[in-house]
Amino acid sequence: MIRSIFISASILFFVAQTVAQNTTYNKESTFTVAFYNVENLFDTINNPDKIDEQFLPDSEKKWDTGKYNKKINDLGRVISSININELPELVGLCEIENQDVLKDLTKCRFLVKGNYAFVHEDSPDARGIDVALMYRKNEFKYQKHKILQVGFSFEPETTTRDILYVSGTLNNNDELHVFVNHWSSRRGGQQESEPKRLEAAKILRFEVDAILKKNKKAKIVIIGDFNDMPVNKSLHEILNATNNMRTNNYKELYNLMFNKSINGQGTYNYRGNWNMLDNIIVSKSLLKNKKGYIVSADGGQIFKKRWMLYDNVKTGQMTPAKTYGGPNYYGGISDHFPVYVILRNAE
């Protein structure tokens, strides 16, 4: 009897919290930015210019329309669930094949009400996986975008993903500068592959400095799968993204996922270890400004629900339920968790 009363009280408390969240949430003064590595979102059509042969109906993976439609709807469900009060205004994505899959994603039943548009350009990556930014047209007024090409002088024959820069204005006329990233993987080893990520960090840092030179109070959000942790050299030293709240140096960036990473949390599980590869980094003006949209130092969040997880018997952990493991189809959503932050208007 006591246990039943306790469970009932717990349920009532949870309901009260949910109701309170819904009643105090103001859609006019909040703005959600999310990022999601969607794990190889390919269509089923062969593109002779890209290495997409493994994602075709007659491939070893047997990637067909049914599996594709399931993945589109699963991804839409995740994105629509990130904020229970409204759809995210901005969603950065990586491992996108082309604009056709973006059109299908924005039109799926979970996201169609968001009236999403998107920014995407084909990158030189041989595998055909790109970055993109989805935005709700009624909430984010697109201004311009730019492609930052990443190349390696020490390995000129290697092609990789571009960095996507998009600027736009919010409903209070705040200008927001957004960078979407997917840096080179750790294939071959973390140290062996690190020079490629250091190069990407230098290119990104140059563009950030150019924006801050024009406006020290520029509001910048950097999102992506960096294939490095917050403490690694590319992010911590080259990009100068830290967890230091004490400095007023406008050139120093703040990684909203830094402290969670230190505490053992992560977005990607590799051999039983959590890695914070997906990060949200902001300029100091979004943390220390008293006007317009701001974020809290602990505002970066990892989104995960039970229906997104796989019970890993080998590690005893609940990990992201991935779509494939080699040629084996598991029917999961993605091998990464999405990350997000909610900006709030201080005025």
Protein backbone atom coordinates (compact mmCIF):
# COMPACT_ATOMS: atom_id res chain seq x y z
CA MET A 1 0.00 0.00 0.00
CA ILE A 2 2.80 2.41 0.97
CA ARG A 3 4.65 1.55 -2.27
CA SER A 4 1.49 2.25 -4.30
CA ILE A 5 1.08 5.63 -2.61
CA PHE A 6 4.75 6.42 -3.31
CA ILE A 7 4.42 5.50 -7.00
CA SER A 8 1.24 7.55 -7.33
CA ALA A 9 2.92 10.52 -5.68
CA SER A 10 5.89 10.19 -8.03
CA ILE A 11 3.62 10.13 -11.07
CA LEU A 12 1.72 13.18 -9.82
CA PHE A 13 5.00 15.01 -9.21
CA PHE A 14 6.19 14.20 -12.75
CA VAL A 15 2.88 15.37 -14.23
CA ALA A 16 3.05 18.57 -12.19
CA GLN A 17 6.58 19.23 -13.45
CA THR A 18 5.48 18.66 -17.06
CA VAL A 19 2.47 20.95 -16.67
CA ALA A 20 4.65 23.61 -15.05
CA GLN A 21 7.17 23.36 -17.86
CA ASN A 22 4.46 23.76 -20.45
CA THR A 23 2.79 26.70 -18.69
CA THR A 24 5.99 28.65 -18.03
CA TYR A 25 7.52 28.03 -21.45
CA ASN A 26 7.28 31.07 -23.70
CA LYS A 27 7.70 30.25 -27.39
CA GLU A 28 8.25 33.92 -28.19
CA SER A 29 11.34 34.21 -26.01
CA THR A 30 13.03 30.84 -26.53
CA PHE A 31 15.05 29.41 -29.40
CA THR A 32 16.28 25.82 -29.64
CA VAL A 33 19.45 24.87 -31.50
CA ALA A 34 20.17 21.16 -32.02
CA PHE A 35 22.78 19.07 -33.76
CA TYR A 36 22.50 15.43 -34.85
CA ASN A 37 24.86 13.03 -36.58
CA VAL A 38 22.23 10.94 -38.37
CA GLU A 39 24.51 8.04 -39.37
CA ASN A 40 24.60 7.75 -43.14
CA LEU A 41 21.30 9.17 -44.33
CA PHE A 42 21.45 7.95 -47.94
CA ASP A 43 18.65 7.55 -50.43
CA THR A 44 18.39 4.35 -52.50
CA ILE A 45 19.43 5.89 -55.84
CA ASN A 46 22.92 5.41 -57.25
CA ASN A 47 24.96 8.58 -57.69
CA PRO A 48 27.87 7.83 -60.03
CA ASP A 49 29.83 10.79 -58.63
CA LYS A 50 29.79 9.52 -55.04
CA ILE A 51 30.81 6.34 -53.26
CA ASP A 52 27.27 5.35 -52.29
CA GLU A 53 27.22 1.79 -53.65
CA GLN A 54 26.81 0.21 -50.21
CA PHE A 55 23.50 2.05 -49.72
CA LEU A 56 21.60 0.54 -52.64
CA PRO A 57 18.95 -2.20 -52.77
CA ASP A 58 21.35 -4.68 -54.43
CA SER A 59 24.25 -3.96 -52.05
CA GLU A 60 25.43 -6.14 -49.18
CA LYS A 61 23.48 -3.87 -46.82
CA LYS A 62 20.32 -4.29 -48.95
CA TRP A 63 19.36 -0.66 -48.31
CA ASP A 64 15.83 -0.33 -49.67
CA THR A 65 12.83 2.01 -49.61
CA GLY A 66 11.29 0.43 -46.53
CA LYS A 67 14.45 0.84 -44.47
CA TYR A 68 14.94 4.36 -45.81
CA ASN A 69 11.41 5.46 -44.92
CA LYS A 70 11.75 3.96 -41.45
CA LYS A 71 14.98 5.87 -40.85
CA ILE A 72 13.46 9.15 -42.06
CA ASN A 73 10.52 8.78 -39.68
CA ASP A 74 12.72 7.65 -36.79
CA LEU A 75 14.99 10.68 -37.23
CA GLY A 76 11.95 12.95 -37.44
CA ARG A 77 10.63 11.49 -34.20
CA VAL A 78 13.91 12.17 -32.42
CA ILE A 79 14.17 15.76 -33.65
CA SER A 80 10.53 16.50 -32.80
CA SER A 81 11.01 15.12 -29.28
CA ILE A 82 14.04 17.22 -28.32
CA ASN A 83 11.88 20.06 -27.03
CA ILE A 84 8.44 18.92 -25.81
CA ASN A 85 7.07 22.46 -26.21
CA GLU A 86 7.95 23.12 -29.85
CA LEU A 87 10.09 21.95 -32.75
CA PRO A 88 13.71 23.14 -32.70
CA GLU A 89 14.27 26.35 -34.65
CA LEU A 90 17.68 25.25 -35.91
CA VAL A 91 18.90 21.70 -36.54
CA GLY A 92 22.43 21.06 -37.72
CA LEU A 93 22.95 17.69 -39.37
CA CYS A 94 25.84 15.62 -40.62
CA GLU A 95 26.14 12.48 -42.74
CA ILE A 96 23.54 13.77 -45.19
CA GLU A 97 23.84 12.50 -48.76
CA ASN A 98 21.95 15.18 -50.67
CA GLN A 99 19.06 17.64 -50.79
CA ASP A 100 16.55 14.91 -51.62
CA VAL A 101 16.96 13.25 -48.23
CA LEU A 102 16.66 16.68 -46.57
CA LYS A 103 13.39 17.31 -48.39
CA ASP A 104 12.06 13.95 -47.25
CA LEU A 105 13.13 14.60 -43.67
CA THR A 106 11.55 18.06 -43.46
CA LYS A 107 8.30 16.73 -44.95
CA CYS A 108 7.98 13.69 -42.68
CA ARG A 109 4.95 13.62 -40.40
CA PHE A 110 6.93 14.59 -37.31
CA LEU A 111 8.48 17.73 -38.79
CA VAL A 112 6.19 18.98 -41.54
CA LYS A 113 4.48 21.48 -39.20
CA GLY A 114 7.82 23.16 -38.58
CA ASN A 115 7.81 24.72 -42.05
CA TYR A 116 11.51 23.93 -42.34
CA ALA A 117 13.85 25.12 -45.06
CA PHE A 118 17.48 24.06 -45.24
CA VAL A 119 20.95 25.10 -46.33
CA HIS A 120 23.12 22.49 -48.01
CA GLU A 121 25.80 22.28 -50.67
CA ASP A 122 27.52 19.20 -52.03
CA SER A 123 30.97 18.83 -50.53
CA PRO A 124 33.99 17.18 -52.15
CA ASP A 125 33.84 14.31 -49.67
CA ALA A 126 34.19 11.15 -51.74
CA ARG A 127 31.71 9.23 -49.59
CA GLY A 128 28.97 11.73 -50.29
CA ILE A 129 28.18 12.66 -46.69
CA ASP A 130 27.67 16.36 -46.03
CA VAL A 131 26.60 18.80 -43.35
CA ALA A 132 23.39 20.81 -43.52
CA LEU A 133 21.31 23.24 -41.48
CA MET A 134 17.54 22.99 -41.19
CA TYR A 135 15.72 26.12 -40.01
CA ARG A 136 12.15 27.09 -39.31
CA LYS A 137 11.44 29.89 -41.76
CA ASN A 138 9.04 31.66 -39.42
CA GLU A 139 11.60 31.79 -36.59
CA PHE A 140 14.96 32.27 -38.34
CA LYS A 141 15.36 34.75 -41.16
CA TYR A 142 18.10 33.46 -43.41
CA GLN A 143 20.61 36.11 -44.51
CA LYS A 144 23.54 34.34 -46.16
CA HIS A 145 25.75 31.28 -46.08
CA LYS A 146 29.30 30.39 -46.97
CA ILE A 147 31.20 27.16 -47.51
CA LEU A 148 34.55 26.77 -45.75
CA GLN A 149 36.53 24.17 -47.64
CA VAL A 150 38.86 22.01 -45.59
CA GLY A 151 41.98 20.73 -47.32
CA PHE A 152 45.27 19.26 -46.17
CA SER A 153 48.60 20.42 -47.60
CA PHE A 154 50.24 17.33 -46.14
CA GLU A 155 47.68 15.05 -47.85
CA PRO A 156 46.35 16.98 -50.88
CA GLU A 157 44.61 13.99 -52.46
CA THR A 158 42.27 13.58 -49.45
CA THR A 159 38.84 15.22 -49.64
CA THR A 160 36.61 15.84 -46.64
CA ARG A 161 33.47 17.61 -45.53
CA ASP A 162 33.11 21.37 -45.78
CA ILE A 163 32.26 23.55 -42.81
CA LEU A 164 28.94 25.31 -43.34
CA TYR A 165 28.49 28.89 -42.15
CA VAL A 166 24.99 30.40 -42.02
CA SER A 167 23.88 33.74 -40.64
CA GLY A 168 20.35 34.89 -39.93
CA THR A 169 18.20 36.94 -37.57
CA LEU A 170 15.90 35.86 -34.77
CA ASN A 171 12.51 37.32 -33.91
CA ASN A 172 14.11 40.07 -31.77
CA ASN A 173 16.48 41.00 -34.62
CA ASP A 174 19.50 39.38 -32.93
CA GLU A 175 21.93 38.23 -35.59
CA LEU A 176 23.10 34.66 -35.11
CA HIS A 177 26.19 33.19 -36.75
CA VAL A 178 26.07 29.39 -37.03
CA PHE A 179 28.82 26.97 -38.06
CA VAL A 180 28.00 23.30 -38.78
CA ASN A 181 30.94 20.88 -38.66
CA HIS A 182 31.86 17.26 -39.27
CA TRP A 183 35.61 16.91 -38.88
CA SER A 184 37.75 14.03 -40.07
CA SER A 185 37.30 10.75 -38.23
CA ARG A 186 39.80 9.01 -35.98
CA ARG A 187 40.28 6.19 -38.45
CA GLY A 188 43.87 5.02 -38.23
CA GLY A 189 44.19 6.25 -34.65
CA GLN A 190 43.50 9.44 -32.72
CA GLN A 191 47.05 10.79 -32.88
CA GLU A 192 47.66 9.72 -36.48
CA SER A 193 44.49 11.45 -37.70
CA GLU A 194 44.74 14.51 -35.43
CA PRO A 195 46.52 16.80 -37.95
CA LYS A 196 43.38 16.80 -40.11
CA ARG A 197 41.21 18.02 -37.24
CA LEU A 198 43.80 20.61 -36.26
CA GLU A 199 43.63 21.98 -39.80
CA ALA A 200 39.82 22.16 -39.65
CA ALA A 201 40.07 23.97 -36.31
CA LYS A 202 42.45 26.56 -37.80
CA ILE A 203 40.11 27.24 -40.72
CA LEU A 204 37.12 27.61 -38.39
CA ARG A 205 39.06 29.82 -35.95
CA PHE A 206 40.05 32.16 -38.78
CA GLU A 207 36.39 32.70 -39.74
CA VAL A 208 35.32 33.19 -36.12
CA ASP A 209 38.06 35.80 -35.64
CA ALA A 210 36.90 37.63 -38.76
CA ILE A 211 33.37 37.90 -37.33
CA LEU A 212 34.59 39.00 -33.89
CA LYS A 213 36.90 41.59 -35.43
CA LYS A 214 33.85 43.31 -36.92
CA ASN A 215 31.75 42.90 -33.78
CA LYS A 216 33.16 41.84 -30.39
CA LYS A 217 29.63 41.07 -29.21
CA ALA A 218 28.73 38.85 -32.15
CA LYS A 219 26.55 35.88 -31.18
CA ILE A 220 28.13 32.73 -32.55
CA VAL A 221 27.04 29.10 -32.22
CA ILE A 222 29.37 26.33 -33.39
CA ILE A 223 27.87 22.84 -33.61
CA GLY A 224 29.00 19.54 -35.00
CA ASP A 225 30.60 16.15 -34.74
CA PHE A 226 34.23 17.13 -34.24
CA ASN A 227 35.56 13.60 -33.75
CA ASP A 228 37.51 15.08 -30.85
CA MET A 229 36.74 15.60 -27.18
CA PRO A 230 36.54 19.06 -25.54
CA VAL A 231 39.98 18.56 -23.95
CA ASN A 232 41.69 17.68 -27.24
CA LYS A 233 44.04 20.15 -28.87
CA SER A 234 41.83 20.96 -31.86
CA LEU A 235 38.95 22.23 -29.72
CA HIS A 236 40.68 23.34 -26.54
CA GLU A 237 43.81 24.99 -27.91
CA ILE A 238 43.38 25.82 -31.59
CA LEU A 239 39.69 26.79 -31.48
CA ASN A 240 40.18 28.12 -27.92
CA ALA A 241 36.90 26.64 -26.68
CA THR A 242 37.09 26.13 -22.92
CA ASN A 243 34.90 25.86 -19.82
CA ASN A 244 36.34 29.05 -18.33
CA MET A 245 33.60 31.41 -17.17
CA ARG A 246 35.90 33.80 -15.34
CA THR A 247 37.55 35.47 -18.30
CA ASN A 248 35.98 38.35 -20.20
CA ASN A 249 38.20 37.74 -23.21
CA TYR A 250 35.74 37.98 -26.07
CA LYS A 251 37.95 35.82 -28.29
CA GLU A 252 37.73 32.83 -25.97
CA LEU A 253 34.83 30.53 -26.80
CA TYR A 254 32.83 28.41 -24.37
CA ASN A 255 32.08 24.72 -24.90
CA LEU A 256 28.69 23.94 -23.39
CA MET A 257 29.48 20.22 -23.36
CA PHE A 258 32.91 20.50 -21.67
CA ASN A 259 31.85 19.85 -18.07
CA LYS A 260 29.55 16.98 -19.04
CA SER A 261 32.47 15.38 -20.84
CA ILE A 262 34.67 15.72 -17.75
CA ASN A 263 31.93 13.99 -15.76
CA GLY A 264 32.03 10.97 -18.07
CA GLN A 265 29.08 11.74 -20.30
CA GLY A 266 29.19 11.47 -24.07
CA THR A 267 27.29 11.26 -27.33
CA TYR A 268 29.12 8.29 -28.87
CA ASN A 269 30.10 5.01 -27.27
CA TYR A 270 33.28 3.34 -28.49
CA ARG A 271 34.17 -0.03 -26.99
CA GLY A 272 32.33 0.75 -23.78
CA ASN A 273 33.73 4.27 -23.37
CA TRP A 274 31.69 7.43 -23.76
CA ASN A 275 33.12 10.12 -26.05
CA MET A 276 31.82 13.69 -26.28
CA LEU A 277 32.35 14.03 -30.01
CA ASP A 278 29.28 16.19 -30.61
CA ASN A 279 29.66 19.65 -29.14
CA ILE A 280 27.96 23.03 -28.89
CA ILE A 281 30.35 25.97 -28.61
CA VAL A 282 29.28 29.58 -28.19
CA SER A 283 30.83 33.03 -28.11
CA LYS A 284 31.09 34.79 -24.76
CA SER A 285 28.43 37.30 -25.80
CA LEU A 286 25.81 34.57 -25.54
CA LEU A 287 26.88 33.87 -21.95
CA LYS A 288 27.60 37.31 -20.53
CA ASN A 289 25.24 39.58 -22.42
CA LYS A 290 22.24 41.08 -20.64
CA LYS A 291 20.41 41.86 -23.85
CA GLY A 292 18.77 39.61 -26.38
CA TYR A 293 19.20 35.86 -26.49
CA ILE A 294 21.54 34.22 -23.98
CA VAL A 295 22.48 30.73 -22.79
CA SER A 296 23.42 29.37 -19.40
CA ALA A 297 26.83 27.81 -18.80
CA ASP A 298 25.21 24.41 -18.20
CA GLY A 299 22.72 24.79 -21.04
CA GLY A 300 24.22 22.19 -23.37
CA GLN A 301 22.22 18.96 -23.23
CA ILE A 302 22.41 15.43 -24.63
CA PHE A 303 19.07 14.11 -25.82
CA LYS A 304 18.31 10.44 -25.25
CA LYS A 305 15.19 8.39 -24.61
CA ARG A 306 14.72 4.69 -23.91
CA TRP A 307 13.32 4.08 -27.40
CA MET A 308 16.57 5.42 -28.90
CA LEU A 309 18.77 2.99 -26.99
CA TYR A 310 20.26 -0.45 -27.46
CA ASP A 311 20.95 -2.73 -24.51
CA ASN A 312 24.59 -3.63 -25.09
CA VAL A 313 25.12 -7.02 -23.45
CA LYS A 314 28.90 -6.91 -23.93
CA THR A 315 29.39 -3.64 -22.03
CA GLY A 316 26.28 -3.69 -19.86
CA GLN A 317 25.48 -0.19 -21.11
CA MET A 318 22.58 1.40 -22.91
CA THR A 319 24.07 2.87 -26.07
CA PRO A 320 22.66 4.64 -29.15
CA ALA A 321 20.74 2.17 -31.31
CA LYS A 322 22.57 2.32 -34.64
CA THR A 323 21.16 1.53 -38.05
CA TYR A 324 23.98 -0.73 -39.18
CA GLY A 325 26.98 -2.57 -37.81
CA GLY A 326 29.04 -3.35 -40.88
CA PRO A 327 26.67 -5.11 -43.32
CA ASN A 328 24.28 -6.11 -40.52
CA TYR A 329 21.03 -4.15 -40.33
CA TYR A 330 19.98 -3.42 -36.75
CA GLY A 331 17.12 -1.05 -37.53
CA GLY A 332 18.25 1.63 -35.07
CA ILE A 333 18.21 5.37 -35.58
CA SER A 334 21.80 6.58 -35.27
CA ASP A 335 25.04 5.67 -33.54
CA HIS A 336 25.18 9.18 -32.00
CA PHE A 337 22.95 11.04 -29.57
CA PRO A 338 21.88 14.56 -30.60
CA VAL A 339 22.87 17.58 -28.55
CA TYR A 340 20.91 20.79 -28.05
CA VAL A 341 20.69 24.09 -26.23
CA ILE A 342 17.75 26.41 -25.56
CA LEU A 343 18.50 30.12 -25.93
CA ARG A 344 16.33 32.48 -23.88
CA ASN A 345 15.62 36.14 -24.47
CA ALA A 346 16.91 38.11 -21.48
CA GLU A 347 14.81 41.17 -22.26
